Amino acid sequence: MPTSAPYLGKDLVGLEHLTREQILAVLDTAEPFKEISERQIKKVPVLRGKTIVNLFFEPSTRTRISFEFAEKRLSADTVNVAASGSSVVKGETLVDTARNLEAMRIDMVVIRHGSSGAARFLAERIPSNVINAGDGRHEHPTQGLLDMLTIRDRLGRIEGLRVCLVGDVLHSRVARSNIWGLTKLGAEVAVCGPPTLMPREIEALGVRVFKRVEEAIEWAEVLNVLRLQLERMQAGYVPSLREYNRVYGVSRERVEAVPRDLLILHPGPMNRGVEIDSDVADGPHSVILNQVTNGVAVRMAVLYLLAGGAPETAEVAKHGE
C-alpha cells in the first residue's frame, strides 16, 4: 500500500491547503533532483517497484510528458490512460475507473480532469496517492510549484517580490495555484486582464487588480502571462484575438518601456501573437524553457515526498543510496 507522506499528506490536490513549510519542502526537494536530468544516465532507483497511473481525461502534452519523465527518472513503472482510449467513452464513471485500477494494486494516480474538484473527489475514495495535474478551473498545483521554483532560481527569493498574472484569469487553474502559493511565500500578487476574463471578487484572494497591462508591467518584477483558453470559451469574452493582443498582449515595446529587468513566465502552450509576442517569449527576459526543465524536477520532488521521502534525504536519494 502507498505510504502517506508526513510532509504533504496522502495527496496533492492543490496549494490552497498547503502550508508555507510544505510548499518550501517541495521546492527544496526539487533542487537536488535537477542534477539528475543533466546526467548521462538520467535515473535513480528511488521509486523502484512503485506503479503510477497517469489518468488524463483532457488532452495534454507538456504536463503528461513531464510527469512521465519524472516517474521514469525515479524508476517507477508507469501506465498512461487517456479518456479517449479507455472505458470512459463507454460510460464508465471516474470512481469505477479508479477502483478497477486499484484492483491492479497501483500506488499513485496522476489525474487531469475537466471538472473542478475531480482530484479531491478521487483522493477521498481510493487509498492510493493522488496528484492533481489540473482539474477544471480549480488548481494546477505542480505548475504553480514549478513557476515558484523558476522565480526563486532566477531572483533568489520570492518573499517581497511583485508578481502579476496577466491574461485569462477566469479560466486559469494555473492562476489560482500561483496566487495561493505566492501569497503564502510572501510575494505581492496582482492580476490583469479584461473584465470579462476576471473572476468576481478576485480581490478576496489577497491580490491587486490592474485594468491596464501597461500599469501591470510597470508595477511588476515578475510577469506570468496566462494563455487565452480558447477551448473553454464561448463567444463574447473578447472582441477578437487581434483586439486582445492590441490591448492586453505582452509585447516587446511594452516590456522595454520599463527601465529595469522583468522576468517573463508562461505556463504554456503559448498563443504567440495573442497573449505574448514571439520576440518576448524568445527574448532575454523569458524563462519559459527554464519552467519546462524545472517542471520535471518539481514533479520528481512531489512523487518522492508522497512516497514517504523526506526533504533532508533528497540529496542522498538522487545518488540512489
C-alpha atoms as a PDB file:
ATOM      1  CA  MET A   1       0.000   0.000   0.000  1.00  0.00           C
ATOM      2  CA  PRO A   2       1.213   3.560  -0.627  1.00  0.00           C
ATOM      3  CA  THR A   3       2.849   5.449   2.177  1.00  0.00           C
ATOM      4  CA  SER A   4       1.269   8.660   3.433  1.00  0.00           C
ATOM      5  CA  ALA A   5       3.967  11.312   3.419  1.00  0.00           C
ATOM      6  CA  PRO A   6       4.244  13.382   6.590  1.00  0.00           C
ATOM      7  CA  TYR A   7       5.269  16.398   4.532  1.00  0.00           C
ATOM      8  CA  LEU A   8       2.396  16.656   2.050  1.00  0.00           C
ATOM      9  CA  GLY A   9      -0.169  14.232   3.418  1.00  0.00           C
ATOM     10  CA  LYS A  10      -1.583  11.454   1.250  1.00  0.00           C
ATOM     11  CA  ASP A  11      -2.349  13.576  -1.812  1.00  0.00           C
ATOM     12  CA  LEU A  12      -1.514  16.784  -3.645  1.00  0.00           C
ATOM     13  CA  VAL A  13      -4.789  18.208  -4.900  1.00  0.00           C
ATOM     14  CA  GLY A  14      -3.929  21.910  -4.616  1.00  0.00           C
ATOM     15  CA  LEU A  15      -1.823  24.564  -2.923  1.00  0.00           C
ATOM     16  CA  GLU A  16      -4.739  26.252  -1.127  1.00  0.00           C
ATOM     17  CA  HIS A  17      -4.490  23.970   1.885  1.00  0.00           C
ATOM     18  CA  LEU A  18      -0.703  23.541   1.975  1.00  0.00           C
ATOM     19  CA  THR A  19       1.350  25.461   4.498  1.00  0.00           C
ATOM     20  CA  ARG A  20       4.284  27.692   3.676  1.00  0.00           C
ATOM     21  CA  GLU A  21       6.574  24.992   5.097  1.00  0.00           C
ATOM     22  CA  GLN A  22       5.081  22.281   2.880  1.00  0.00           C
ATOM     23  CA  ILE A  23       5.491  24.414  -0.251  1.00  0.00           C
ATOM     24  CA  LEU A  24       9.102  25.172   0.650  1.00  0.00           C
ATOM     25  CA  ALA A  25       9.683  21.458   1.290  1.00  0.00           C
ATOM     26  CA  VAL A  26       8.717  20.701  -2.328  1.00  0.00           C
ATOM     27  CA  LEU A  27      10.903  23.496  -3.735  1.00  0.00           C
ATOM     28  CA  ASP A  28      13.878  22.486  -1.602  1.00  0.00           C
ATOM     29  CA  THR A  29      13.446  18.816  -2.508  1.00  0.00           C
ATOM     30  CA  ALA A  30      13.332  19.669  -6.230  1.00  0.00           C
ATOM     31  CA  GLU A  31      16.772  21.310  -6.124  1.00  0.00           C
ATOM     32  CA  PRO A  32      18.876  18.118  -5.809  1.00  0.00           C
ATOM     33  CA  PHE A  33      16.696  16.343  -8.379  1.00  0.00           C
ATOM     34  CA  LYS A  34      17.563  18.897 -11.082  1.00  0.00           C
ATOM     35  CA  GLU A  35      21.044  17.442 -11.452  1.00  0.00           C
ATOM     36  CA  ILE A  36      19.654  14.005 -12.420  1.00  0.00           C
ATOM     37  CA  SER A  37      18.346  15.413 -15.713  1.00  0.00           C
ATOM     38  CA  GLU A  38      21.867  16.574 -16.615  1.00  0.00           C
ATOM     39  CA  ARG A  39      23.443  13.139 -16.233  1.00  0.00           C
ATOM     40  CA  GLN A  40      24.261  10.708 -18.999  1.00  0.00           C
ATOM     41  CA  ILE A  41      22.092   8.108 -17.241  1.00  0.00           C
ATOM     42  CA  LYS A  42      19.036  10.023 -16.055  1.00  0.00           C
ATOM     43  CA  LYS A  43      17.694   7.576 -13.494  1.00  0.00           C
ATOM     44  CA  VAL A  44      17.773   6.770  -9.782  1.00  0.00           C
ATOM     45  CA  PRO A  45      16.014   3.805  -8.088  1.00  0.00           C
ATOM     46  CA  VAL A  46      14.026   5.900  -5.606  1.00  0.00           C
ATOM     47  CA  LEU A  47      10.559   4.642  -6.698  1.00  0.00           C
ATOM     48  CA  ARG A  48      11.565   1.233  -7.991  1.00  0.00           C
ATOM     49  CA  GLY A  49       8.637  -1.158  -7.541  1.00  0.00           C
ATOM     50  CA  LYS A  50       6.025   1.641  -7.443  1.00  0.00           C
ATOM     51  CA  THR A  51       3.289   1.677 -10.088  1.00  0.00           C
ATOM     52  CA  ILE A  52       1.934   5.076 -11.155  1.00  0.00           C
ATOM     53  CA  VAL A  53      -1.063   5.616 -13.426  1.00  0.00           C
ATOM     54  CA  ASN A  54      -1.326   8.820 -15.451  1.00  0.00           C
ATOM     55  CA  LEU A  55      -5.083   9.248 -15.874  1.00  0.00           C
ATOM     56  CA  PHE A  56      -5.722  12.086 -18.325  1.00  0.00           C
ATOM     57  CA  PHE A  57      -9.328  12.949 -19.160  1.00  0.00           C
ATOM     58  CA  GLU A  58      -8.212  16.099 -21.011  1.00  0.00           C
ATOM     59  CA  PRO A  59      -5.643  16.473 -23.795  1.00  0.00           C
ATOM     60  CA  SER A  60      -2.164  17.297 -22.533  1.00  0.00           C
ATOM     61  CA  THR A  61       1.331  17.212 -23.907  1.00  0.00           C
ATOM     62  CA  ARG A  62       3.717  19.119 -21.641  1.00  0.00           C
ATOM     63  CA  THR A  63       2.221  18.112 -18.291  1.00  0.00           C
ATOM     64  CA  ARG A  64       1.739  14.455 -19.199  1.00  0.00           C
ATOM     65  CA  ILE A  65       5.225  14.083 -20.660  1.00  0.00           C
ATOM     66  CA  SER A  66       6.769  15.955 -17.729  1.00  0.00           C
ATOM     67  CA  PHE A  67       5.125  13.598 -15.226  1.00  0.00           C
ATOM     68  CA  GLU A  68       6.168  10.599 -17.280  1.00  0.00           C
ATOM     69  CA  PHE A  69       9.781  11.779 -17.381  1.00  0.00           C
ATOM     70  CA  ALA A  70       9.699  12.374 -13.614  1.00  0.00           C
ATOM     71  CA  GLU A  71       8.284   8.921 -12.926  1.00  0.00           C
ATOM     72  CA  LYS A  72      10.745   7.128 -15.163  1.00  0.00           C
ATOM     73  CA  ARG A  73      13.724   9.034 -13.794  1.00  0.00           C
ATOM     74  CA  LEU A  74      12.729   7.797 -10.339  1.00  0.00           C
ATOM     75  CA  SER A  75      12.466   4.231 -11.766  1.00  0.00           C
ATOM     76  CA  ALA A  76       8.703   3.844 -11.246  1.00  0.00           C
ATOM     77  CA  ASP A  77       6.540   1.684 -13.501  1.00  0.00           C
ATOM     78  CA  THR A  78       4.128   3.935 -15.400  1.00  0.00           C
ATOM     79  CA  VAL A  79       0.828   3.360 -17.165  1.00  0.00           C
ATOM     80  CA  ASN A  80      -0.758   6.079 -19.305  1.00  0.00           C
ATOM     81  CA  VAL A  81      -4.553   6.110 -19.624  1.00  0.00           C
ATOM     82  CA  ALA A  82      -6.280   8.619 -21.900  1.00  0.00           C
ATOM     83  CA  ALA A  83     -10.048   9.064 -21.730  1.00  0.00           C
ATOM     84  CA  SER A  84     -10.372   8.643 -25.497  1.00  0.00           C
ATOM     85  CA  GLY A  85      -8.835   5.186 -25.275  1.00  0.00           C
ATOM     86  CA  SER A  86     -10.470   3.984 -22.067  1.00  0.00           C
ATOM     87  CA  SER A  87     -13.837   2.668 -20.884  1.00  0.00           C
ATOM     88  CA  VAL A  88     -14.809   6.245 -20.034  1.00  0.00           C
ATOM     89  CA  VAL A  89     -16.092   6.639 -23.586  1.00  0.00           C
ATOM     90  CA  LYS A  90     -18.371   3.658 -22.902  1.00  0.00           C
ATOM     91  CA  GLY A  91     -19.896   5.386 -19.886  1.00  0.00           C
ATOM     92  CA  GLU A  92     -17.668   4.200 -17.041  1.00  0.00           C
ATOM     93  CA  THR A  93     -17.531   6.655 -14.135  1.00  0.00           C
ATOM     94  CA  LEU A  94     -14.385   8.169 -12.648  1.00  0.00           C
ATOM     95  CA  VAL A  95     -14.766   6.101  -9.465  1.00  0.00           C
ATOM     96  CA  ASP A  96     -15.310   2.874 -11.405  1.00  0.00           C
ATOM     97  CA  THR A  97     -12.197   3.565 -13.437  1.00  0.00           C
ATOM     98  CA  ALA A  98     -10.169   4.276 -10.303  1.00  0.00           C
ATOM     99  CA  ARG A  99     -11.429   1.235  -8.425  1.00  0.00           C
ATOM    100  CA  ASN A 100     -10.557  -1.010 -11.330  1.00  0.00           C
ATOM    101  CA  LEU A 101      -7.069   0.465 -11.323  1.00  0.00           C
ATOM    102  CA  GLU A 102      -6.876  -0.037  -7.559  1.00  0.00           C
ATOM    103  CA  ALA A 103      -7.696  -3.708  -8.072  1.00  0.00           C
ATOM    104  CA  MET A 104      -4.489  -3.910 -10.088  1.00  0.00           C
ATOM    105  CA  ARG A 105      -2.543  -2.786  -6.981  1.00  0.00           C
ATOM    106  CA  ILE A 106      -1.315   0.621  -8.098  1.00  0.00           C
ATOM    107  CA  ASP A 107       0.472   3.094  -5.801  1.00  0.00           C
ATOM    108  CA  MET A 108      -0.245   6.549  -7.245  1.00  0.00           C
ATOM    109  CA  VAL A 109      -2.616   8.241  -9.671  1.00  0.00           C
ATOM    110  CA  VAL A 110      -1.833  11.446 -11.561  1.00  0.00           C
ATOM    111  CA  ILE A 111      -5.145  12.855 -12.790  1.00  0.00           C
ATOM    112  CA  ARG A 112      -6.124  15.633 -15.167  1.00  0.00           C
ATOM    113  CA  HIS A 113      -9.850  16.240 -15.472  1.00  0.00           C
ATOM    114  CA  GLY A 114     -12.151  18.895 -16.873  1.00  0.00           C
ATOM    115  CA  SER A 115     -14.260  19.115 -13.714  1.00  0.00           C
ATOM    116  CA  SER A 116     -13.166  21.238 -10.768  1.00  0.00           C
ATOM    117  CA  GLY A 117     -12.782  19.068  -7.679  1.00  0.00           C
ATOM    118  CA  ALA A 118     -12.254  15.808  -9.571  1.00  0.00           C
ATOM    119  CA  ALA A 119      -8.843  15.190  -7.995  1.00  0.00           C
ATOM    120  CA  ARG A 120     -10.153  15.612  -4.447  1.00  0.00           C
ATOM    121  CA  PHE A 121     -13.217  13.525  -5.275  1.00  0.00           C
ATOM    122  CA  LEU A 122     -10.923  10.698  -6.379  1.00  0.00           C
ATOM    123  CA  ALA A 123      -8.476  11.130  -3.499  1.00  0.00           C
ATOM    124  CA  GLU A 124     -11.269  10.695  -0.950  1.00  0.00           C
ATOM    125  CA  ARG A 125     -12.337   7.388  -2.488  1.00  0.00           C
ATOM    126  CA  ILE A 126      -9.144   5.440  -3.127  1.00  0.00           C
ATOM    127  CA  PRO A 127      -6.189   4.657  -0.834  1.00  0.00           C
ATOM    128  CA  SER A 128      -3.551   5.388  -3.490  1.00  0.00           C
ATOM    129  CA  ASN A 129      -1.770   8.743  -3.518  1.00  0.00           C
ATOM    130  CA  VAL A 130      -3.481  11.192  -5.896  1.00  0.00           C
ATOM    131  CA  ILE A 131      -1.741  14.096  -7.650  1.00  0.00           C
ATOM    132  CA  ASN A 132      -3.779  16.785  -9.349  1.00  0.00           C
ATOM    133  CA  ALA A 133      -2.425  17.557 -12.832  1.00  0.00           C
ATOM    134  CA  GLY A 134      -5.155  20.147 -13.409  1.00  0.00           C
ATOM    135  CA  ASP A 135      -8.877  19.994 -12.638  1.00  0.00           C
ATOM    136  CA  GLY A 136     -11.283  22.324 -14.409  1.00  0.00           C
ATOM    137  CA  ARG A 137     -10.846  25.916 -13.244  1.00  0.00           C
ATOM    138  CA  HIS A 138      -9.717  24.834  -9.778  1.00  0.00           C
ATOM    139  CA  GLU A 139      -5.951  24.281  -9.478  1.00  0.00           C
ATOM    140  CA  HIS A 140      -2.825  23.000 -11.185  1.00  0.00           C
ATOM    141  CA  PRO A 141      -0.512  22.671  -8.162  1.00  0.00           C
ATOM    142  CA  THR A 142       2.633  21.303  -9.802  1.00  0.00           C
ATOM    143  CA  GLN A 143       2.553  24.142 -12.359  1.00  0.00           C
ATOM    144  CA  GLY A 144       2.315  26.662  -9.528  1.00  0.00           C
ATOM    145  CA  LEU A 145       5.236  24.976  -7.779  1.00  0.00           C
ATOM    146  CA  LEU A 146       7.453  24.935 -10.854  1.00  0.00           C
ATOM    147  CA  ASP A 147       6.656  28.597 -11.507  1.00  0.00           C
ATOM    148  CA  MET A 148       7.755  29.446  -7.969  1.00  0.00           C
ATOM    149  CA  LEU A 149      10.913  27.345  -8.310  1.00  0.00           C
ATOM    150  CA  THR A 150      11.777  29.155 -11.552  1.00  0.00           C
ATOM    151  CA  ILE A 151      11.275  32.563  -9.932  1.00  0.00           C
ATOM    152  CA  ARG A 152      13.373  31.601  -6.898  1.00  0.00           C
ATOM    153  CA  ASP A 153      16.138  30.167  -9.085  1.00  0.00           C
ATOM    154  CA  ARG A 154      16.465  33.367 -11.090  1.00  0.00           C
ATOM    155  CA  LEU A 155      15.847  36.026  -8.421  1.00  0.00           C
ATOM    156  CA  GLY A 156      16.990  34.179  -5.300  1.00  0.00           C
ATOM    157  CA  ARG A 157      13.792  34.801  -3.356  1.00  0.00           C
ATOM    158  CA  ILE A 158      10.017  35.005  -3.533  1.00  0.00           C
ATOM    159  CA  GLU A 159       9.190  36.954  -0.397  1.00  0.00           C
ATOM    160  CA  GLY A 160       8.582  40.620  -1.161  1.00  0.00           C
ATOM    161  CA  LEU A 161       8.562  40.188  -4.952  1.00  0.00           C
ATOM    162  CA  ARG A 162       5.844  41.802  -7.049  1.00  0.00           C
ATOM    163  CA  VAL A 163       4.300  39.178  -9.334  1.00  0.00           C
ATOM    164  CA  CYS A 164       1.497  39.875 -11.795  1.00  0.00           C
ATOM    165  CA  LEU A 165      -0.618  37.266 -13.596  1.00  0.00           C
ATOM    166  CA  VAL A 166      -1.745  38.705 -16.940  1.00  0.00           C
ATOM    167  CA  GLY A 167      -4.470  37.312 -19.166  1.00  0.00           C
ATOM    168  CA  ASP A 168      -7.296  34.825 -18.869  1.00  0.00           C
ATOM    169  CA  VAL A 169      -7.537  34.593 -15.077  1.00  0.00           C
ATOM    170  CA  LEU A 170     -11.174  33.431 -15.175  1.00  0.00           C
ATOM    171  CA  HIS A 171     -10.459  30.062 -16.787  1.00  0.00           C
ATOM    172  CA  SER A 172      -6.968  29.584 -15.366  1.00  0.00           C
ATOM    173  CA  ARG A 173      -6.277  26.901 -12.772  1.00  0.00           C
ATOM    174  CA  VAL A 174      -2.627  27.937 -13.020  1.00  0.00           C
ATOM    175  CA  ALA A 175      -3.572  31.412 -11.769  1.00  0.00           C
ATOM    176  CA  ARG A 176      -5.245  30.019  -8.672  1.00  0.00           C
ATOM    177  CA  SER A 177      -2.306  27.796  -7.758  1.00  0.00           C
ATOM    178  CA  ASN A 178       0.087  30.688  -8.300  1.00  0.00           C
ATOM    179  CA  ILE A 179      -1.996  33.015  -6.141  1.00  0.00           C
ATOM    180  CA  TRP A 180      -2.224  30.539  -3.249  1.00  0.00           C
ATOM    181  CA  GLY A 181       1.456  29.596  -3.418  1.00  0.00           C
ATOM    182  CA  LEU A 182       2.986  33.016  -3.979  1.00  0.00           C
ATOM    183  CA  THR A 183       0.970  34.749  -1.278  1.00  0.00           C
ATOM    184  CA  LYS A 184       1.905  32.062   1.243  1.00  0.00           C
ATOM    185  CA  LEU A 185       5.572  32.625   0.422  1.00  0.00           C
ATOM    186  CA  GLY A 186       5.242  36.365   0.970  1.00  0.00           C
ATOM    187  CA  ALA A 187       5.023  37.740  -2.573  1.00  0.00           C
ATOM    188  CA  GLU A 188       2.802  40.649  -3.557  1.00  0.00           C
ATOM    189  CA  VAL A 189       0.454  39.302  -6.215  1.00  0.00           C
ATOM    190  CA  ALA A 190      -1.608  41.165  -8.805  1.00  0.00           C
ATOM    191  CA  VAL A 191      -3.794  40.190 -11.757  1.00  0.00           C
ATOM    192  CA  CYS A 192      -4.519  41.966 -15.017  1.00  0.00           C
ATOM    193  CA  GLY A 193      -6.906  41.158 -17.832  1.00  0.00           C
ATOM    194  CA  PRO A 194     -10.200  42.044 -19.489  1.00  0.00           C
ATOM    195  CA  PRO A 195     -13.125  42.391 -17.039  1.00  0.00           C
ATOM    196  CA  THR A 196     -14.854  39.531 -18.901  1.00  0.00           C
ATOM    197  CA  LEU A 197     -11.914  37.233 -18.064  1.00  0.00           C
ATOM    198  CA  MET A 198     -11.586  38.235 -14.409  1.00  0.00           C
ATOM    199  CA  PRO A 199     -13.342  36.209 -11.664  1.00  0.00           C
ATOM    200  CA  ARG A 200     -15.778  38.109  -9.473  1.00  0.00           C
ATOM    201  CA  GLU A 201     -14.374  39.278  -6.156  1.00  0.00           C
ATOM    202  CA  ILE A 202     -10.870  38.142  -7.084  1.00  0.00           C
ATOM    203  CA  GLU A 203      -9.564  40.709  -4.582  1.00  0.00           C
ATOM    204  CA  ALA A 204     -10.816  38.403  -1.802  1.00  0.00           C
ATOM    205  CA  LEU A 205      -7.819  36.166  -2.574  1.00  0.00           C
ATOM    206  CA  GLY A 206      -5.496  38.972  -1.485  1.00  0.00           C
ATOM    207  CA  VAL A 207      -4.478  40.203  -4.921  1.00  0.00           C
ATOM    208  CA  ARG A 208      -4.348  43.611  -6.547  1.00  0.00           C
ATOM    209  CA  VAL A 209      -6.215  44.190  -9.825  1.00  0.00           C
ATOM    210  CA  PHE A 210      -4.819  46.208 -12.748  1.00  0.00           C
ATOM    211  CA  LYS A 211      -7.071  47.237 -15.621  1.00  0.00           C
ATOM    212  CA  ARG A 212      -4.277  48.240 -17.989  1.00  0.00           C
ATOM    213  CA  VAL A 213      -1.414  45.936 -18.939  1.00  0.00           C
ATOM    214  CA  GLU A 214       0.980  48.902 -19.091  1.00  0.00           C
ATOM    215  CA  GLU A 215       0.330  49.616 -15.414  1.00  0.00           C
ATOM    216  CA  ALA A 216       0.801  45.953 -14.524  1.00  0.00           C
ATOM    217  CA  ILE A 217       4.144  45.766 -16.338  1.00  0.00           C
ATOM    218  CA  GLU A 218       5.335  48.979 -14.723  1.00  0.00           C
ATOM    219  CA  TRP A 219       4.465  47.604 -11.248  1.00  0.00           C
ATOM    220  CA  ALA A 220       5.677  44.024 -11.571  1.00  0.00           C
ATOM    221  CA  GLU A 221       9.080  42.424 -11.184  1.00  0.00           C
ATOM    222  CA  VAL A 222       7.734  39.106 -12.493  1.00  0.00           C
ATOM    223  CA  LEU A 223       5.098  38.721 -15.191  1.00  0.00           C
ATOM    224  CA  ASN A 224       3.351  35.362 -15.581  1.00  0.00           C
ATOM    225  CA  VAL A 225       1.487  35.523 -18.886  1.00  0.00           C
ATOM    226  CA  LEU A 226      -1.575  33.280 -18.947  1.00  0.00           C
ATOM    227  CA  ARG A 227      -2.822  31.549 -22.053  1.00  0.00           C
ATOM    228  CA  LEU A 228      -6.070  32.713 -23.592  1.00  0.00           C
ATOM    229  CA  GLN A 229      -8.000  29.445 -23.144  1.00  0.00           C
ATOM    230  CA  LEU A 230      -9.994  29.488 -26.341  1.00  0.00           C
ATOM    231  CA  GLU A 231     -11.185  25.888 -25.902  1.00  0.00           C
ATOM    232  CA  ARG A 232     -13.001  26.834 -22.665  1.00  0.00           C
ATOM    233  CA  MET A 233     -14.678  29.923 -24.068  1.00  0.00           C
ATOM    234  CA  GLN A 234     -17.950  30.655 -25.727  1.00  0.00           C
ATOM    235  CA  ALA A 235     -18.280  33.729 -27.933  1.00  0.00           C
ATOM    236  CA  GLY A 236     -18.258  37.109 -26.269  1.00  0.00           C
ATOM    237  CA  TYR A 237     -15.315  37.058 -23.854  1.00  0.00           C
ATOM    238  CA  VAL A 238     -13.115  39.164 -26.154  1.00  0.00           C
ATOM    239  CA  PRO A 239     -13.988  41.083 -29.344  1.00  0.00           C
ATOM    240  CA  SER A 240     -11.247  39.343 -31.344  1.00  0.00           C
ATOM    241  CA  LEU A 241      -7.785  37.865 -30.877  1.00  0.00           C
ATOM    242  CA  ARG A 242      -6.263  40.835 -32.674  1.00  0.00           C
ATOM    243  CA  GLU A 243      -8.026  43.259 -30.342  1.00  0.00           C
ATOM    244  CA  TYR A 244      -6.941  41.247 -27.292  1.00  0.00           C
ATOM    245  CA  ASN A 245      -3.327  41.406 -28.428  1.00  0.00           C
ATOM    246  CA  ARG A 246      -3.588  45.139 -29.074  1.00  0.00           C
ATOM    247  CA  VAL A 247      -4.964  45.917 -25.605  1.00  0.00           C
ATOM    248  CA  TYR A 248      -3.514  43.211 -23.352  1.00  0.00           C
ATOM    249  CA  GLY A 249      -0.740  41.499 -25.320  1.00  0.00           C
ATOM    250  CA  VAL A 250       2.730  41.429 -23.752  1.00  0.00           C
ATOM    251  CA  SER A 251       4.825  42.979 -26.499  1.00  0.00           C
ATOM    252  CA  ARG A 252       8.475  43.945 -26.731  1.00  0.00           C
ATOM    253  CA  GLU A 253       7.547  47.632 -26.785  1.00  0.00           C
ATOM    254  CA  ARG A 254       5.614  47.327 -23.525  1.00  0.00           C
ATOM    255  CA  VAL A 255       8.351  45.296 -21.822  1.00  0.00           C
ATOM    256  CA  GLU A 256      11.160  47.590 -22.989  1.00  0.00           C
ATOM    257  CA  ALA A 257       9.279  50.633 -21.723  1.00  0.00           C
ATOM    258  CA  VAL A 258      10.157  49.500 -18.187  1.00  0.00           C
ATOM    259  CA  PRO A 259      13.656  50.725 -17.205  1.00  0.00           C
ATOM    260  CA  ARG A 260      14.583  47.548 -15.282  1.00  0.00           C
ATOM    261  CA  ASP A 261      14.780  43.794 -15.696  1.00  0.00           C
ATOM    262  CA  LEU A 262      11.473  41.975 -15.846  1.00  0.00           C
ATOM    263  CA  LEU A 263      11.111  38.204 -15.563  1.00  0.00           C
ATOM    264  CA  ILE A 264       8.643  36.687 -18.070  1.00  0.00           C
ATOM    265  CA  LEU A 265       6.944  33.333 -17.456  1.00  0.00           C
ATOM    266  CA  HIS A 266       4.254  31.471 -19.382  1.00  0.00           C
ATOM    267  CA  PRO A 267       2.701  28.122 -18.349  1.00  0.00           C
ATOM    268  CA  GLY A 268       2.219  27.067 -21.982  1.00  0.00           C
ATOM    269  CA  PRO A 269       1.215  26.213 -24.528  1.00  0.00           C
ATOM    270  CA  MET A 270       1.531  29.731 -25.914  1.00  0.00           C
ATOM    271  CA  ASN A 271      -0.747  31.531 -28.329  1.00  0.00           C
ATOM    272  CA  ARG A 272       2.046  33.515 -29.976  1.00  0.00           C
ATOM    273  CA  GLY A 273       0.879  36.874 -31.217  1.00  0.00           C
ATOM    274  CA  VAL A 274      -2.140  36.809 -28.906  1.00  0.00           C
ATOM    275  CA  GLU A 275      -1.245  36.997 -25.201  1.00  0.00           C
ATOM    276  CA  ILE A 276       2.502  37.158 -25.853  1.00  0.00           C
ATOM    277  CA  ASP A 277       4.611  38.173 -28.827  1.00  0.00           C
ATOM    278  CA  SER A 278       7.344  35.874 -30.089  1.00  0.00           C
ATOM    279  CA  ASP A 279      10.148  38.356 -29.511  1.00  0.00           C
ATOM    280  CA  VAL A 280       9.186  38.462 -25.816  1.00  0.00           C
ATOM    281  CA  ALA A 281       8.699  34.694 -25.468  1.00  0.00           C
ATOM    282  CA  ASP A 282      12.099  34.082 -27.047  1.00  0.00           C
ATOM    283  CA  GLY A 283      13.801  37.177 -25.635  1.00  0.00           C
ATOM    284  CA  PRO A 284      16.258  37.799 -22.802  1.00  0.00           C
ATOM    285  CA  HIS A 285      13.550  38.327 -20.167  1.00  0.00           C
ATOM    286  CA  SER A 286      11.947  34.941 -20.791  1.00  0.00           C
ATOM    287  CA  VAL A 287      12.461  31.901 -18.531  1.00  0.00           C
ATOM    288  CA  ILE A 288       9.804  29.795 -20.249  1.00  0.00           C
ATOM    289  CA  LEU A 289      12.175  26.949 -21.140  1.00  0.00           C
ATOM    290  CA  ASN A 290      13.536  27.007 -17.575  1.00  0.00           C
ATOM    291  CA  GLN A 291       9.961  26.381 -16.435  1.00  0.00           C
ATOM    292  CA  VAL A 292       9.820  23.246 -18.578  1.00  0.00           C
ATOM    293  CA  THR A 293      13.097  21.956 -17.127  1.00  0.00           C
ATOM    294  CA  ASN A 294      12.032  22.746 -13.566  1.00  0.00           C
ATOM    295  CA  GLY A 295       8.705  21.007 -14.149  1.00  0.00           C
ATOM    296  CA  VAL A 296      10.374  17.600 -14.217  1.00  0.00           C
ATOM    297  CA  ALA A 297      12.337  18.300 -11.016  1.00  0.00           C
ATOM    298  CA  VAL A 298       9.258  19.575  -9.165  1.00  0.00           C
ATOM    299  CA  ARG A 299       7.207  16.551 -10.171  1.00  0.00           C
ATOM    300  CA  MET A 300      10.033  14.260  -9.107  1.00  0.00           C
ATOM    301  CA  ALA A 301      10.012  16.021  -5.734  1.00  0.00           C
ATOM    302  CA  VAL A 302       6.240  15.634  -5.322  1.00  0.00           C
ATOM    303  CA  LEU A 303       6.357  11.935  -6.214  1.00  0.00           C
ATOM    304  CA  TYR A 304       9.276  11.384  -3.834  1.00  0.00           C
ATOM    305  CA  LEU A 305       7.597  13.176  -0.919  1.00  0.00           C
ATOM    306  CA  LEU A 306       4.254  11.443  -1.410  1.00  0.00           C
ATOM    307  CA  ALA A 307       6.076   8.104  -1.441  1.00  0.00           C
ATOM    308  CA  GLY A 308       7.364   8.876   2.046  1.00  0.00           C
ATOM    309  CA  GLY A 309      10.665  10.564   1.304  1.00  0.00           C
ATOM    310  CA  ALA A 310      11.914  13.461   3.406  1.00  0.00           C
ATOM    311  CA  PRO A 311      13.304  16.770   2.071  1.00  0.00           C
ATOM    312  CA  GLU A 312      16.514  16.377   4.048  1.00  0.00           C
ATOM    313  CA  THR A 313      17.256  12.976   2.445  1.00  0.00           C
ATOM    314  CA  ALA A 314      16.635  14.052  -1.169  1.00  0.00           C
ATOM    315  CA  GLU A 315      20.341  14.732  -1.735  1.00  0.00           C
ATOM    316  CA  VAL A 316      21.133  11.152  -0.746  1.00  0.00           C
ATOM    317  CA  ALA A 317      18.196   9.794  -2.752  1.00  0.00           C
ATOM    318  CA  LYS A 318      19.406  11.349  -6.000  1.00  0.00           C
ATOM    319  CA  HIS A 319      22.506   9.157  -5.783  1.00  0.00           C
ATOM    320  CA  GLY A 320      20.376   6.080  -5.299  1.00  0.00           C
ATOM    321  CA  GLU A 321      21.889   5.295  -1.935  1.00  0.00           C
END
